[in-house]
Each structure stands twice: as structure tokens, then as C-alpha cells.
Protein backbone atom coordinates (compact mmCIF):
# COMPACT_ATOMS: atom_id res chain seq x y z
CA MET A 1 -9.09 -0.79 3.53
CA MET A 2 -9.86 0.30 0.00
CA MET A 3 -12.57 2.97 0.01
CA VAL A 4 -13.18 2.80 -3.75
CA ASP A 5 -13.99 -0.08 -6.09
CA THR A 6 -10.88 -1.63 -7.66
CA GLU A 7 -9.58 -4.77 -9.30
CA LEU A 8 -6.18 -6.36 -9.82
CA ARG A 9 -4.68 -6.48 -13.31
CA PRO A 10 -1.22 -6.97 -14.80
CA SER A 11 0.74 -3.74 -14.40
CA SER A 12 3.27 -2.17 -16.74
CA ILE A 13 5.07 -0.97 -13.60
CA HIS A 14 5.51 -4.33 -11.86
CA GLY A 15 3.56 -7.59 -11.58
CA LEU A 16 -0.01 -6.89 -10.52
CA GLY A 17 -1.45 -3.44 -9.91
CA VAL A 18 -4.62 -1.92 -8.46
CA PHE A 19 -6.92 -0.39 -11.08
CA LEU A 20 -9.95 1.81 -10.52
CA LEU A 21 -13.44 0.59 -11.44
CA GLU A 22 -14.94 4.01 -10.72
CA PRO A 23 -13.77 7.60 -11.20
CA VAL A 24 -12.21 9.36 -8.21
CA ARG A 25 -12.05 13.12 -7.67
CA LYS A 26 -8.92 14.94 -6.52
CA GLY A 27 -8.64 14.74 -2.73
CA GLU A 28 -11.09 11.84 -2.40
CA LEU A 29 -10.26 9.14 0.15
CA ILE A 30 -8.93 6.00 -1.54
CA TRP A 31 -7.49 3.93 1.33
CA ARG A 32 -7.40 4.09 5.12
CA PHE A 33 -6.12 1.74 7.76
CA ASP A 34 -8.99 -0.29 9.22
CA ALA A 35 -8.22 -3.07 11.71
CA ARG A 36 -11.33 -4.94 10.60
CA ILE A 37 -9.53 -5.90 7.37
CA ASP A 38 -5.90 -4.75 7.63
CA ARG A 39 -3.57 -6.81 9.83
CA VAL A 40 -0.54 -5.83 11.92
CA TYR A 41 2.42 -8.05 12.80
CA SER A 42 5.20 -7.52 15.33
CA LEU A 43 8.79 -8.43 14.49
CA ASP A 44 8.48 -11.47 16.77
CA GLU A 45 5.31 -12.62 15.00
CA VAL A 46 6.96 -12.33 11.60
CA ALA A 47 10.07 -14.14 12.84
CA SER A 48 7.92 -17.03 14.12
CA LEU A 49 6.48 -17.74 10.68
CA PRO A 50 7.93 -19.98 7.94
CA ASP A 51 10.50 -18.31 5.69
CA HIS A 52 8.18 -18.11 2.68
CA VAL A 53 5.53 -16.31 4.77
CA GLN A 54 8.15 -13.92 6.15
CA ARG A 55 9.18 -13.05 2.58
CA TYR A 56 5.53 -12.50 1.65
CA LEU A 57 4.96 -10.15 4.59
CA ARG A 58 8.16 -8.20 3.95
CA THR A 59 7.11 -7.79 0.30
CA TYR A 60 3.48 -6.81 0.77
CA SER A 61 3.54 -5.07 4.16
CA THR A 62 4.68 -1.62 5.16
CA TRP A 63 6.97 -1.12 8.15
CA ASN A 64 6.10 1.42 10.85
CA GLU A 65 9.25 1.82 12.93
CA ALA A 66 7.68 3.92 15.71
CA ALA A 67 5.03 1.25 16.31
CA GLY A 68 7.42 -1.65 15.62
CA LEU A 69 4.82 -3.20 13.35
CA PHE A 70 4.37 -4.46 9.83
CA VAL A 71 1.00 -3.47 8.35
CA LEU A 72 -0.53 -5.77 5.73
CA CYS A 73 -3.48 -4.48 3.73
CA GLY A 74 -6.17 -7.14 3.73
CA ASP A 75 -7.48 -6.23 0.28
CA ASN A 76 -6.21 -4.87 -3.04
CA GLY A 77 -4.34 -2.10 -1.20
CA ARG A 78 -1.29 -4.34 -0.83
CA PHE A 79 -0.82 -4.25 -4.62
CA PHE A 80 -0.23 -0.50 -5.01
CA ASN A 81 2.92 -0.12 -7.08
CA HIS A 82 5.57 2.52 -6.47
CA SER A 83 5.76 5.67 -8.55
CA GLU A 84 7.82 8.81 -8.18
CA GLU A 85 4.74 10.59 -9.56
CA PRO A 86 2.05 8.67 -7.63
CA SER A 87 -1.69 8.93 -8.17
CA THR A 88 -2.23 8.95 -4.39
CA VAL A 89 -0.68 10.78 -1.47
CA SER A 90 -0.41 9.39 2.05
CA ASN A 91 -0.64 11.41 5.23
CA ALA A 92 1.18 8.90 7.48
CA ILE A 93 3.41 5.85 7.58
CA SER A 94 1.22 2.70 7.46
CA PHE A 95 -1.69 3.89 9.62
CA GLY A 96 -2.89 6.93 7.71
CA GLU A 97 -5.04 7.68 4.71
CA ASP A 98 -4.35 7.84 0.98
CA HIS A 99 -6.10 10.46 -1.13
CA ALA A 100 -6.17 11.08 -4.89
CA VAL A 101 -3.62 13.68 -5.98
CA ARG A 102 -5.73 14.56 -9.02
CA ASP A 103 -8.92 13.45 -10.73
CA LEU A 104 -8.51 9.77 -11.64
CA GLY A 105 -10.40 7.86 -14.32
CA VAL A 106 -11.82 4.38 -14.55
CA GLY A 107 -9.04 1.93 -15.44
CA GLU A 108 -6.24 4.07 -14.00
CA GLU A 109 -3.64 2.31 -11.86
CA LEU A 110 -3.34 3.48 -8.26
CA THR A 111 0.24 4.14 -7.19
CA SER A 112 2.06 5.37 -4.08
CA ASP A 113 5.46 6.81 -3.32
CA TYR A 114 6.81 4.01 -1.13
CA THR A 115 9.11 6.42 0.70
CA THR A 116 6.03 8.08 2.23
CA ILE A 117 4.26 4.90 3.36
CA CYS A 118 7.06 2.61 4.62
CA ASP A 119 9.87 3.48 7.05
CA ASP A 120 12.08 0.68 5.72
CA VAL A 121 11.97 2.06 2.17
CA ARG A 122 12.35 5.64 3.41
CA GLN A 123 15.45 4.73 5.42
CA ASN A 124 17.07 2.08 3.26
CA GLY A 125 15.78 2.63 -0.23
CA ALA A 126 14.29 -0.09 -2.35
CA ASP A 127 15.05 -1.87 -5.57
CA PHE A 128 12.25 -0.59 -7.79
């Protein structure tokens, strides 16, 4: 669940991105898993869905291999774009927290290093 106020806008990185509507200080909590808004799916659940929904979940979810679950952010968090110099740092795969790596200003795009938030990307790479 996003812990700061954001909106979606076109991104120069890819498609849509998450942009801050308020300043954030270095180390401040930006996102944390919260089952009240974020949803988890087992492999069997994903496989039982229509193909177009499976593609959606594989695009916008993160894979946690140890738990055997896909985690889908229920808010703007699913639109973080990848960066090798991200504006956030995660402390766990899928179920952790993301904090600001530096002071961030209003209008700045929030980004993550996908290799730190998704086992599938970490293990198999991704086409960025």
C-alpha cells in the first residue's frame, strides 16, 4: 500500500509511472505490503484465470518464490518503473517495505530496482 500521496502520469521510462504529490525525506516509508489492499495469488489461481488476466498479473505482480505467490499492489504501487538507480530501496521480496533512498521532491517519479523486489526478475532477468 502506498504510504505517500501519488498519481499516475506518462513516464519517460516506460508507459505509466508513479509520481509524488508530496515531498519525501530520505529513509521515509513509501510502500509496504498490506493485505487490506494488496492481493496475493498462487500459481494455481493465476493458471485458472483467462489468458489476458494471467498476462496482466505476470506484468504487474511481483513473484515471491519462497511463498509461491504473486503479489499485486492494489494501488499505484504496481506502476513503479525499473531503474538501476532507483528512488526507493526495498528490504524484501514482495512482502517488505520500500523507503526513499534520498530526499525526493514533488513530481518525482518513484522507481525500484526490479531485481530486489521480484524473484523472477532476479533469477531470469527482464526485458527493460
